[in-house]
């Protein structure tokens, strides 16, 4: 699964790591449950 998220601020912000850590935590939460195979193709 590819998830592309344009942040638009990676070169301008003082805190570059914080937003990425919050995004990773949010994606971990969302993707922790079982995904419906009708809507998600796991290529692994």
N, C-alpha and C. Protein backbone atom coordinates (compact mmCIF):
# COMPACT_ATOMS: atom_id res chain seq x y z
N UNK A 1 0.85 -1.16 0.00
CA UNK A 1 0.00 0.00 0.00
C UNK A 1 0.90 1.23 0.00
N UNK A 2 0.66 2.13 -0.91
CA UNK A 2 1.37 3.41 -0.94
C UNK A 2 0.43 4.49 -0.43
N UNK A 3 0.93 5.29 0.48
CA UNK A 3 0.16 6.42 0.98
C UNK A 3 1.03 7.66 0.77
N UNK A 4 0.58 8.51 -0.13
CA UNK A 4 1.32 9.73 -0.45
C UNK A 4 0.66 10.89 0.27
N UNK A 5 1.45 11.58 1.07
CA UNK A 5 0.93 12.71 1.84
C UNK A 5 1.86 13.90 1.62
N UNK A 6 1.44 14.87 0.81
CA UNK A 6 2.26 16.06 0.64
C UNK A 6 2.19 16.93 1.88
N UNK A 7 3.33 17.19 2.49
CA UNK A 7 3.29 18.02 3.70
C UNK A 7 3.47 19.49 3.37
N UNK A 8 4.15 19.80 2.29
CA UNK A 8 4.26 21.19 1.86
C UNK A 8 5.08 22.08 2.76
N UNK A 9 5.55 21.58 3.91
CA UNK A 9 6.28 22.44 4.83
C UNK A 9 7.60 21.83 5.27
N UNK A 10 8.03 20.73 4.68
CA UNK A 10 9.21 20.05 5.20
C UNK A 10 10.47 20.90 5.13
N UNK A 11 10.54 21.85 4.22
CA UNK A 11 11.74 22.67 4.11
C UNK A 11 11.62 23.99 4.86
N UNK A 12 10.45 24.29 5.39
CA UNK A 12 10.23 25.60 6.01
C UNK A 12 10.00 25.54 7.52
N UNK A 13 9.68 24.39 8.03
CA UNK A 13 9.30 24.30 9.44
C UNK A 13 10.50 24.02 10.34
N UNK A 14 10.42 24.46 11.57
CA UNK A 14 11.48 24.19 12.53
C UNK A 14 11.42 22.74 13.00
N UNK A 15 10.20 22.24 13.21
CA UNK A 15 10.00 20.87 13.69
C UNK A 15 9.67 19.97 12.50
N UNK A 16 10.65 19.28 11.98
CA UNK A 16 10.42 18.40 10.85
C UNK A 16 9.99 17.00 11.28
N UNK A 17 10.41 16.58 12.46
CA UNK A 17 10.14 15.22 12.89
C UNK A 17 8.75 15.06 13.52
N UNK A 18 8.29 16.03 14.27
CA UNK A 18 7.01 15.95 14.96
C UNK A 18 5.83 15.60 14.06
N UNK A 19 5.62 16.33 12.96
CA UNK A 19 4.50 16.01 12.08
C UNK A 19 4.60 14.59 11.50
N UNK A 20 5.79 14.17 11.19
CA UNK A 20 5.96 12.82 10.63
C UNK A 20 5.66 11.75 11.68
N UNK A 21 6.06 11.99 12.92
CA UNK A 21 5.77 11.04 13.99
C UNK A 21 4.26 10.94 14.24
N UNK A 22 3.57 12.09 14.21
CA UNK A 22 2.12 12.08 14.40
C UNK A 22 1.43 11.38 13.24
N UNK A 23 1.91 11.57 12.02
CA UNK A 23 1.34 10.89 10.87
C UNK A 23 1.54 9.38 10.98
N UNK A 24 2.74 8.95 11.36
CA UNK A 24 3.00 7.52 11.51
C UNK A 24 2.10 6.91 12.58
N UNK A 25 1.92 7.60 13.69
CA UNK A 25 1.06 7.09 14.76
C UNK A 25 -0.39 7.00 14.29
N UNK A 26 -0.85 8.01 13.55
CA UNK A 26 -2.22 8.00 13.05
C UNK A 26 -2.42 6.87 12.04
N UNK A 27 -1.46 6.67 11.14
CA UNK A 27 -1.58 5.59 10.16
C UNK A 27 -1.53 4.23 10.84
N UNK A 28 -0.69 4.08 11.86
CA UNK A 28 -0.65 2.83 12.61
C UNK A 28 -2.01 2.53 13.23
N UNK A 29 -2.67 3.55 13.75
CA UNK A 29 -3.98 3.38 14.35
C UNK A 29 -5.03 2.98 13.30
N UNK A 30 -5.03 3.70 12.20
CA UNK A 30 -6.01 3.44 11.14
C UNK A 30 -5.81 2.07 10.52
N UNK A 31 -4.56 1.69 10.30
CA UNK A 31 -4.27 0.44 9.60
C UNK A 31 -4.14 -0.77 10.53
N UNK A 32 -4.35 -0.59 11.82
CA UNK A 32 -4.21 -1.68 12.77
C UNK A 32 -5.33 -2.71 12.63
N UNK A 33 -6.49 -2.27 12.22
CA UNK A 33 -7.62 -3.18 12.08
C UNK A 33 -7.54 -3.97 10.78
N UNK A 34 -8.40 -4.95 10.65
CA UNK A 34 -8.46 -5.76 9.44
C UNK A 34 -9.05 -4.93 8.31
N UNK A 35 -8.40 -4.93 7.18
CA UNK A 35 -8.86 -4.18 6.03
C UNK A 35 -9.72 -5.07 5.15
N UNK A 36 -10.78 -4.50 4.63
CA UNK A 36 -11.70 -5.25 3.77
C UNK A 36 -11.02 -5.54 2.44
N UNK A 37 -10.85 -6.81 2.08
CA UNK A 37 -10.14 -7.14 0.84
C UNK A 37 -10.86 -6.65 -0.42
N UNK A 38 -12.13 -6.30 -0.30
CA UNK A 38 -12.82 -5.73 -1.47
C UNK A 38 -12.33 -4.33 -1.79
N UNK A 39 -11.75 -3.66 -0.79
CA UNK A 39 -11.33 -2.27 -0.97
C UNK A 39 -9.82 -2.10 -0.87
N UNK A 40 -9.12 -3.16 -0.54
CA UNK A 40 -7.67 -3.06 -0.35
C UNK A 40 -7.00 -4.29 -0.92
N UNK A 41 -6.01 -4.09 -1.78
CA UNK A 41 -5.25 -5.19 -2.35
C UNK A 41 -3.87 -5.18 -1.71
N UNK A 42 -3.55 -6.24 -0.99
CA UNK A 42 -2.25 -6.35 -0.36
C UNK A 42 -1.33 -7.08 -1.31
N UNK A 43 -0.32 -6.39 -1.79
CA UNK A 43 0.57 -6.95 -2.81
C UNK A 43 1.68 -7.81 -2.22
N UNK A 44 1.72 -7.98 -0.92
CA UNK A 44 2.79 -8.75 -0.30
C UNK A 44 2.56 -10.21 -0.48
